[in-house]
C-alpha atoms as a PDB file:
ATOM      1  CA  MET A   1      99.776  98.565 108.105  1.00  0.00           C
ATOM      2  CA  CYS A   2     103.012 100.158 109.326  1.00  0.00           C
ATOM      3  CA  ASP A   3     104.948 103.352 107.477  1.00  0.00           C
ATOM      4  CA  VAL A   4     108.133 103.415 106.712  1.00  0.00           C
ATOM      5  CA  GLU A   5     109.843 106.904 106.450  1.00  0.00           C
ATOM      6  CA  MET A   6     112.490 106.528 102.761  1.00  0.00           C
ATOM      7  CA  ALA A   7     115.946 106.849 103.137  1.00  0.00           C
ATOM      8  CA  ASP A   8     118.720 108.122 101.340  1.00  0.00           C
ATOM      9  CA  ALA A   9     119.930 105.670  99.017  1.00  0.00           C
ATOM     10  CA  ALA A  10     123.235 107.672  98.455  1.00  0.00           C
ATOM     11  CA  GLY A  11     123.909 107.960 102.214  1.00  0.00           C
ATOM     12  CA  PRO A  12     124.845 105.966 104.691  1.00  0.00           C
ATOM     13  CA  ALA A  13     122.434 102.928 106.456  1.00  0.00           C
ATOM     14  CA  PRO A  14     119.231 104.592 108.471  1.00  0.00           C
ATOM     15  CA  ALA A  15     119.757 104.971 112.091  1.00  0.00           C
ATOM     16  CA  ALA A  16     116.072 103.548 112.344  1.00  0.00           C
ATOM     17  CA  ALA A  17     114.505 102.237 109.620  1.00  0.00           C
ATOM     18  CA  ALA A  18     111.898 100.206 112.128  1.00  0.00           C
ATOM     19  CA  PRO A  19     108.085 100.685 111.037  1.00  0.00           C
ATOM     20  CA  ALA A  20     106.286 103.734 112.742  1.00  0.00           C
ATOM     21  CA  PRO A  21     102.635 103.881 113.375  1.00  0.00           C
ATOM     22  CA  ALA A  22     100.819 104.299 110.021  1.00  0.00           C
ATOM     23  CA  ALA A  23      98.891 107.572 110.747  1.00  0.00           C
ATOM     24  CA  ALA A  24      95.544 107.608 111.614  1.00  0.00           C
ATOM     25  CA  ARG A  25      93.655 106.017 108.378  1.00  0.00           C
ATOM     26  CA  SER A  26      91.484 103.165 108.043  1.00  0.00           C
ATOM     27  CA  LYS A  27      93.282  99.767 107.523  1.00  0.00           C
ATOM     28  CA  ASP A  28      91.089  98.328 104.779  1.00  0.00           C
ATOM     29  CA  ALA A  29      91.294 101.436 102.949  1.00  0.00           C
ATOM     30  CA  TYR A  30      94.296 100.594 101.516  1.00  0.00           C
ATOM     31  CA  TYR A  31      93.054  98.142  99.754  1.00  0.00           C
ATOM     32  CA  ALA A  32      90.398  99.213  98.208  1.00  0.00           C
ATOM     33  CA  MET A  33      92.031 100.876  95.111  1.00  0.00           C
ATOM     34  CA  ASP A  34      90.226 103.807  93.992  1.00  0.00           C
ATOM     35  CA  GLU A  35      91.171 102.334  90.414  1.00  0.00           C
ATOM     36  CA  ALA A  36      90.440 106.050  88.659  1.00  0.00           C
ATOM     37  CA  ALA A  37      92.407 108.148  91.824  1.00  0.00           C
ATOM     38  CA  ILE A  38      96.121 105.905  90.755  1.00  0.00           C
ATOM     39  CA  ASP A  39      95.483 105.777  87.522  1.00  0.00           C
ATOM     40  CA  GLU A  40      94.857 109.789  86.955  1.00  0.00           C
ATOM     41  CA  VAL A  41      97.493 109.221  89.664  1.00  0.00           C
ATOM     42  CA  ARG A  42     100.137 107.852  87.096  1.00  0.00           C
ATOM     43  CA  ARG A  43      98.979 109.381  84.005  1.00  0.00           C
ATOM     44  CA  LYS A  44     100.371 112.346  86.278  1.00  0.00           C
ATOM     45  CA  LYS A  45     103.091 110.031  87.716  1.00  0.00           C
ATOM     46  CA  VAL A  46     105.330 113.535  89.169  1.00  0.00           C
ATOM     47  CA  TRP A  47     107.902 111.593  90.597  1.00  0.00           C
ATOM     48  CA  THR A  48     110.140 111.733  87.270  1.00  0.00           C
ATOM     49  CA  GLY A  49     111.236 115.147  88.176  1.00  0.00           C
ATOM     50  CA  ASP A  50     111.967 114.422  91.778  1.00  0.00           C
ATOM     51  CA  ALA A  51     113.551 111.483  92.686  1.00  0.00           C
ATOM     52  CA  THR A  52     112.954 112.647  96.792  1.00  0.00           C
ATOM     53  CA  HIS A  53     109.032 112.885  95.665  1.00  0.00           C
ATOM     54  CA  PHE A  54     107.960 110.130  97.858  1.00  0.00           C
ATOM     55  CA  LYS A  55     108.471 110.329 101.215  1.00  0.00           C
ATOM     56  CA  ARG A  56     107.260 107.440 103.049  1.00  0.00           C
ATOM     57  CA  VAL A  57     106.137 103.211 102.168  1.00  0.00           C
ATOM     58  CA  ALA A  58     103.204 101.705 104.129  1.00  0.00           C
ATOM     59  CA  VAL A  59     103.792  97.854 103.710  1.00  0.00           C
ATOM     60  CA  SER A  60     100.974  96.046 104.821  1.00  0.00           C
ATOM     61  CA  PRO A  61     101.440  93.046 107.426  1.00  0.00           C
ATOM     62  CA  ALA A  62     100.522  90.012 105.339  1.00  0.00           C
ATOM     63  CA  ALA A  63     103.580  91.363 102.876  1.00  0.00           C
ATOM     64  CA  SER A  64     105.756  92.278 105.805  1.00  0.00           C
ATOM     65  CA  MET A  65     105.820  88.814 107.269  1.00  0.00           C
ATOM     66  CA  LYS A  66     106.017  87.527 103.559  1.00  0.00           C
ATOM     67  CA  MET A  67     109.608  88.729 103.405  1.00  0.00           C
ATOM     68  CA  LEU A  68     110.540  88.699 106.996  1.00  0.00           C
ATOM     69  CA  MET A  69     109.612  85.133 106.482  1.00  0.00           C
ATOM     70  CA  HIS A  70     111.518  84.673 103.408  1.00  0.00           C
ATOM     71  CA  ALA A  71     114.515  85.685 104.623  1.00  0.00           C
ATOM     72  CA  HIS A  72     114.764  83.398 107.564  1.00  0.00           C
ATOM     73  CA  SER A  73     114.505  80.846 105.333  1.00  0.00           C
ATOM     74  CA  GLY A  74     117.372  82.314 103.592  1.00  0.00           C
ATOM     75  CA  CYS A  75     119.185  82.483 106.692  1.00  0.00           C
ATOM     76  CA  GLU A  76     118.351  78.794 107.324  1.00  0.00           C
ATOM     77  CA  ALA A  77     119.403  77.114 104.686  1.00  0.00           C
ATOM     78  CA  GLY A  78     122.674  78.635 104.515  1.00  0.00           C
ATOM     79  CA  LEU A  79     123.290  77.574 108.194  1.00  0.00           C
ATOM     80  CA  ALA A  80     122.171  74.457 106.758  1.00  0.00           C
ATOM     81  CA  ALA A  81     124.817  74.391 104.204  1.00  0.00           C
ATOM     82  CA  GLY A  82     127.239  74.971 107.118  1.00  0.00           C
ATOM     83  CA  GLY A  83     128.273  78.064 105.570  1.00  0.00           C
ATOM     84  CA  LYS A  84     126.457  81.898 106.803  1.00  0.00           C
ATOM     85  CA  PRO A  85     123.135  83.425 105.554  1.00  0.00           C
ATOM     86  CA  LEU A  86     122.229  83.465 102.648  1.00  0.00           C
ATOM     87  CA  GLU A  87     120.513  86.205 101.014  1.00  0.00           C
ATOM     88  CA  VAL A  88     117.261  85.914  99.653  1.00  0.00           C
ATOM     89  CA  MET A  89     115.165  88.209  96.792  1.00  0.00           C
ATOM     90  CA  GLY A  90     111.443  89.095  95.830  1.00  0.00           C
ATOM     91  CA  LEU A  91     109.287  91.172  94.059  1.00  0.00           C
ATOM     92  CA  MET A  92     106.380  94.113  95.416  1.00  0.00           C
ATOM     93  CA  VAL A  93     103.056  94.428  93.950  1.00  0.00           C
ATOM     94  CA  GLY A  94     101.413  98.305  94.806  1.00  0.00           C
ATOM     95  CA  TYR A  95     100.418 101.345  94.230  1.00  0.00           C
ATOM     96  CA  PRO A  96     101.338 104.962  94.232  1.00  0.00           C
ATOM     97  CA  ASP A  97      99.195 106.501  97.250  1.00  0.00           C
ATOM     98  CA  ASN A  98      96.331 108.533  95.617  1.00  0.00           C
ATOM     99  CA  ALA A  99      95.369 109.926  99.442  1.00  0.00           C
ATOM    100  CA  ARG A 100      98.860 111.143 100.703  1.00  0.00           C
ATOM    101  CA  GLU A 101     101.065 111.772  97.009  1.00  0.00           C
ATOM    102  CA  ASP A 102     104.116 111.370  99.074  1.00  0.00           C
ATOM    103  CA  CYS A 103     103.752 107.787  99.411  1.00  0.00           C
ATOM    104  CA  MET A 104     103.705 104.327  98.165  1.00  0.00           C
ATOM    105  CA  VAL A 105     101.544 101.831  99.249  1.00  0.00           C
ATOM    106  CA  VAL A 106     102.996  97.708  99.738  1.00  0.00           C
ATOM    107  CA  THR A 107      99.983  95.314  99.388  1.00  0.00           C
ATOM    108  CA  ASP A 108     101.690  92.134  98.516  1.00  0.00           C
ATOM    109  CA  VAL A 109     104.731  90.209  97.875  1.00  0.00           C
ATOM    110  CA  PHE A 110     106.513  87.908  96.109  1.00  0.00           C
ATOM    111  CA  PRO A 111     109.371  85.598  96.549  1.00  0.00           C
ATOM    112  CA  LEU A 112     111.843  85.249  93.618  1.00  0.00           C
ATOM    113  CA  PRO A 113     113.556  81.001  93.381  1.00  0.00           C
ATOM    114  CA  VAL A 114     116.964  83.186  94.063  1.00  0.00           C
ATOM    115  CA  THR A 115     119.325  82.854  96.868  1.00  0.00           C
ATOM    116  CA  GLY A 116     123.342  83.603  96.782  1.00  0.00           C
ATOM    117  CA  PHE A 117     125.408  86.562  98.228  1.00  0.00           C
ATOM    118  CA  GLU A 118     124.480  89.013  95.664  1.00  0.00           C
ATOM    119  CA  THR A 119     121.150  90.491  94.045  1.00  0.00           C
ATOM    120  CA  GLN A 120     123.024  90.864  90.667  1.00  0.00           C
ATOM    121  CA  VAL A 121     122.741  86.375  89.884  1.00  0.00           C
ATOM    122  CA  VAL A 122     118.823  87.410  89.302  1.00  0.00           C
ATOM    123  CA  ALA A 123     120.578  89.937  85.521  1.00  0.00           C
ATOM    124  CA  ASP A 124     122.385  86.002  84.305  1.00  0.00           C
ATOM    125  CA  ASP A 125     120.142  83.287  85.791  1.00  0.00           C
ATOM    126  CA  GLU A 126     117.921  83.169  82.282  1.00  0.00           C
ATOM    127  CA  GLY A 127     115.442  81.015  84.403  1.00  0.00           C
ATOM    128  CA  VAL A 128     114.603  83.633  86.819  1.00  0.00           C
ATOM    129  CA  VAL A 129     113.942  86.229  84.021  1.00  0.00           C
ATOM    130  CA  ASN A 130     111.047  83.761  83.083  1.00  0.00           C
ATOM    131  CA  TYR A 131     110.220  83.480  86.145  1.00  0.00           C
ATOM    132  CA  MET A 132     109.278  87.830  85.994  1.00  0.00           C
ATOM    133  CA  ILE A 133     107.702  87.618  83.477  1.00  0.00           C
ATOM    134  CA  LYS A 134     104.945  84.615  83.872  1.00  0.00           C
ATOM    135  CA  LEU A 135     104.495  86.057  87.470  1.00  0.00           C
ATOM    136  CA  SER A 136     104.200  90.062  85.753  1.00  0.00           C
ATOM    137  CA  ASP A 137     101.550  88.470  83.292  1.00  0.00           C
ATOM    138  CA  MET A 138      99.208  86.540  86.270  1.00  0.00           C
ATOM    139  CA  LEU A 139      99.317  89.661  88.156  1.00  0.00           C
ATOM    140  CA  GLU A 140      98.267  91.798  85.210  1.00  0.00           C
ATOM    141  CA  VAL A 141      94.786  89.614  84.603  1.00  0.00           C
ATOM    142  CA  THR A 142      94.323  88.586  88.871  1.00  0.00           C
ATOM    143  CA  ARG A 143      95.927  91.997  90.851  1.00  0.00           C
ATOM    144  CA  LYS A 144      94.850  95.479  90.630  1.00  0.00           C
ATOM    145  CA  GLU A 145      97.967  96.256  91.211  1.00  0.00           C
ATOM    146  CA  ARG A 146     101.626  96.636  90.022  1.00  0.00           C
ATOM    147  CA  ILE A 147     105.228  95.064  90.369  1.00  0.00           C
ATOM    148  CA  MET A 148     106.414  97.690  92.189  1.00  0.00           C
ATOM    149  CA  GLY A 149     109.894  96.808  93.363  1.00  0.00           C
ATOM    150  CA  TRP A 150     111.925  94.080  94.642  1.00  0.00           C
ATOM    151  CA  TYR A 151     113.023  93.325  98.101  1.00  0.00           C
ATOM    152  CA  HIS A 152     116.100  91.601  99.664  1.00  0.00           C
ATOM    153  CA  SER A 153     117.431  90.275 102.536  1.00  0.00           C
ATOM    154  CA  HIS A 154     121.171  91.681 104.434  1.00  0.00           C
ATOM    155  CA  PRO A 155     121.523  89.306 106.933  1.00  0.00           C
ATOM    156  CA  PHE A 156     124.991  90.082 107.936  1.00  0.00           C
ATOM    157  CA  ASP A 157     125.426  89.570 111.821  1.00  0.00           C
ATOM    158  CA  VAL A 158     122.868  91.199 114.737  1.00  0.00           C
ATOM    159  CA  ASP A 159     124.257  95.023 115.104  1.00  0.00           C
ATOM    160  CA  GLU A 160     122.627  96.559 118.305  1.00  0.00           C
ATOM    161  CA  ALA A 161     123.488 100.289 117.320  1.00  0.00           C
ATOM    162  CA  HIS A 162     122.543 100.331 113.231  1.00  0.00           C
ATOM    163  CA  ASN A 163     120.820  97.369 111.295  1.00  0.00           C
ATOM    164  CA  HIS A 164     121.823  96.545 107.888  1.00  0.00           C
ATOM    165  CA  CYS A 165     119.547  98.712 105.705  1.00  0.00           C
ATOM    166  CA  PHE A 166     121.398 100.497 102.861  1.00  0.00           C
ATOM    167  CA  LEU A 167     121.611  99.848  99.431  1.00  0.00           C
ATOM    168  CA  SER A 168     124.973  98.723  97.879  1.00  0.00           C
ATOM    169  CA  SER A 169     126.816  99.457  95.489  1.00  0.00           C
ATOM    170  CA  THR A 170     125.342  96.588  93.225  1.00  0.00           C
ATOM    171  CA  ASP A 171     121.663  96.908  95.286  1.00  0.00           C
ATOM    172  CA  LEU A 172     121.725 100.729  93.820  1.00  0.00           C
ATOM    173  CA  SER A 173     123.014 100.279  89.818  1.00  0.00           C
ATOM    174  CA  THR A 174     120.002  97.840  90.002  1.00  0.00           C
ATOM    175  CA  GLN A 175     117.162  99.686  91.330  1.00  0.00           C
ATOM    176  CA  LEU A 176     118.241 102.128  89.183  1.00  0.00           C
ATOM    177  CA  LEU A 177     118.109 100.068  86.070  1.00  0.00           C
ATOM    178  CA  TRP A 178     114.613  99.244  87.192  1.00  0.00           C
ATOM    179  CA  GLN A 179     113.464 102.288  88.124  1.00  0.00           C
ATOM    180  CA  ASN A 180     114.024 104.185  85.081  1.00  0.00           C
ATOM    181  CA  ALA A 181     113.061 100.914  83.272  1.00  0.00           C
ATOM    182  CA  GLU A 182     109.268 101.384  85.134  1.00  0.00           C
ATOM    183  CA  ASP A 183     109.074 105.499  86.286  1.00  0.00           C
ATOM    184  CA  GLY A 184     108.056 106.899  82.949  1.00  0.00           C
ATOM    185  CA  ASN A 185     105.683 104.475  82.549  1.00  0.00           C
ATOM    186  CA  GLY A 186     103.429 105.031  85.613  1.00  0.00           C
ATOM    187  CA  ASN A 187     105.170 102.794  87.707  1.00  0.00           C
ATOM    188  CA  PRO A 188     107.434 104.184  90.476  1.00  0.00           C
ATOM    189  CA  PHE A 189     109.785 101.689  91.799  1.00  0.00           C
ATOM    190  CA  LEU A 190     110.470 100.876  94.954  1.00  0.00           C
ATOM    191  CA  ALA A 191     113.747  98.947  96.766  1.00  0.00           C
ATOM    192  CA  ILE A 192     113.066  97.612 100.099  1.00  0.00           C
ATOM    193  CA  VAL A 193     116.337  95.856 102.542  1.00  0.00           C
ATOM    194  CA  ILE A 194     115.587  93.666 105.314  1.00  0.00           C
ATOM    195  CA  ASP A 195     117.224  92.739 108.113  1.00  0.00           C
ATOM    196  CA  PRO A 196     115.764  89.038 109.469  1.00  0.00           C
ATOM    197  CA  LEU A 197     118.864  88.631 111.782  1.00  0.00           C
ATOM    198  CA  ARG A 198     118.325  92.290 114.076  1.00  0.00           C
ATOM    199  CA  SER A 199     114.471  91.288 113.365  1.00  0.00           C
ATOM    200  CA  PHE A 200     114.699  88.777 115.021  1.00  0.00           C
ATOM    201  CA  ALA A 201     116.381  90.040 118.006  1.00  0.00           C
ATOM    202  CA  LYS A 202     114.357  92.966 118.567  1.00  0.00           C
ATOM    203  CA  GLY A 203     111.445  91.110 117.494  1.00  0.00           C
ATOM    204  CA  THR A 204     109.654  93.360 115.137  1.00  0.00           C
ATOM    205  CA  ALA A 205     110.886  93.843 111.679  1.00  0.00           C
ATOM    206  CA  GLU A 206     113.518  96.103 110.487  1.00  0.00           C
ATOM    207  CA  LEU A 207     112.843  97.619 106.922  1.00  0.00           C
ATOM    208  CA  GLY A 208     114.495 100.072 104.637  1.00  0.00           C
ATOM    209  CA  ALA A 209     112.773 102.276 102.200  1.00  0.00           C
ATOM    210  CA  PHE A 210     114.694 103.953  98.952  1.00  0.00           C
ATOM    211  CA  ARG A 211     114.765 105.179  95.705  1.00  0.00           C
ATOM    212  CA  ALA A 212     117.938 105.851  93.609  1.00  0.00           C
ATOM    213  CA  SER A 213     118.943 109.309  92.263  1.00  0.00           C
ATOM    214  CA  PRO A 214     121.132 109.514  89.219  1.00  0.00           C
ATOM    215  CA  PRO A 215     124.537 110.456  89.722  1.00  0.00           C
ATOM    216  CA  ALA A 216     124.054 114.443  87.680  1.00  0.00           C
ATOM    217  CA  GLU A 217     121.168 114.204  90.541  1.00  0.00           C
ATOM    218  CA  ARG A 218     123.402 112.655  93.614  1.00  0.00           C
ATOM    219  CA  ASN A 219     126.397 115.419  93.013  1.00  0.00           C
ATOM    220  CA  VAL A 220     123.965 117.923  93.280  1.00  0.00           C
ATOM    221  CA  ARG A 221     122.898 117.453  96.598  1.00  0.00           C
ATOM    222  CA  ARG A 222     125.836 116.488  98.172  1.00  0.00           C
ATOM    223  CA  ALA A 223     127.357 119.544  96.443  1.00  0.00           C
ATOM    224  CA  ARG A 224     124.220 121.268  98.391  1.00  0.00           C
ATOM    225  CA  ARG A 225     124.711 119.873 101.421  1.00  0.00           C
ATOM    226  CA  SER A 226     128.464 120.435 101.740  1.00  0.00           C
ATOM    227  CA  CYS A 227     128.179 124.539 100.766  1.00  0.00           C
ATOM    228  CA  ALA A 228     125.257 124.698 103.455  1.00  0.00           C
ATOM    229  CA  LEU A 229     127.432 122.825 105.772  1.00  0.00           C
ATOM    230  CA  LEU A 230     130.354 125.027 105.136  1.00  0.00           C
ATOM    231  CA  ARG A 231     127.809 128.602 105.414  1.00  0.00           C
ATOM    232  CA  ALA A 232     127.210 127.538 108.929  1.00  0.00           C
ATOM    233  CA  SER A 233     130.563 126.601 110.042  1.00  0.00           C
ATOM    234  CA  ARG A 234     131.283 130.086 108.889  1.00  0.00           C
ATOM    235  CA  GLY A 235     128.798 131.349 111.453  1.00  0.00           C
END
């Protein structure tokens, strides 16, 4: 398992979103789910009152590798067609960690049949929506985890100083829609963005994890930051 620090979806791309070593805890512990304890966490759903409740995401090695390989396939498909690398998208399964209340756990991912330059095509593609429904129904009877997020790639270019792990305005709207639909059902929803080109250049997965704040809440947080900066400038 590796830990990814939760970034601010309303702010700039994180300077270093590469996975950091996980805290001292057995890797198998993430897979040996305490279903009763997790059900209790879902019942309390404390995250509904605080969009910044979650601070970290634990991503399994299998999930990280599958996201990276999927993103790589999008790069190859775009270049093979004589164009630019394509964005890809998929769904993640996992659960809110009952041992670390500020952590979400991603155990596995499932690619979606979506490629392009904007992930909004999902909303307009009936075939993809039906695919997602069937996948959800299958996981409900075969897995203990739930679909708890989505991932997609930003294969833009290789930037030595920064990665491209951020949510665009379209991504942010998508995340808010899913988050509003799922959070109240005891299923906190997460977005992960992977930068495949920088990942390959550095030899390590470059990931950014995000949750979205409602617009009103983001405005309050911005105002508080502005007031703090003003007070600091006045000495």
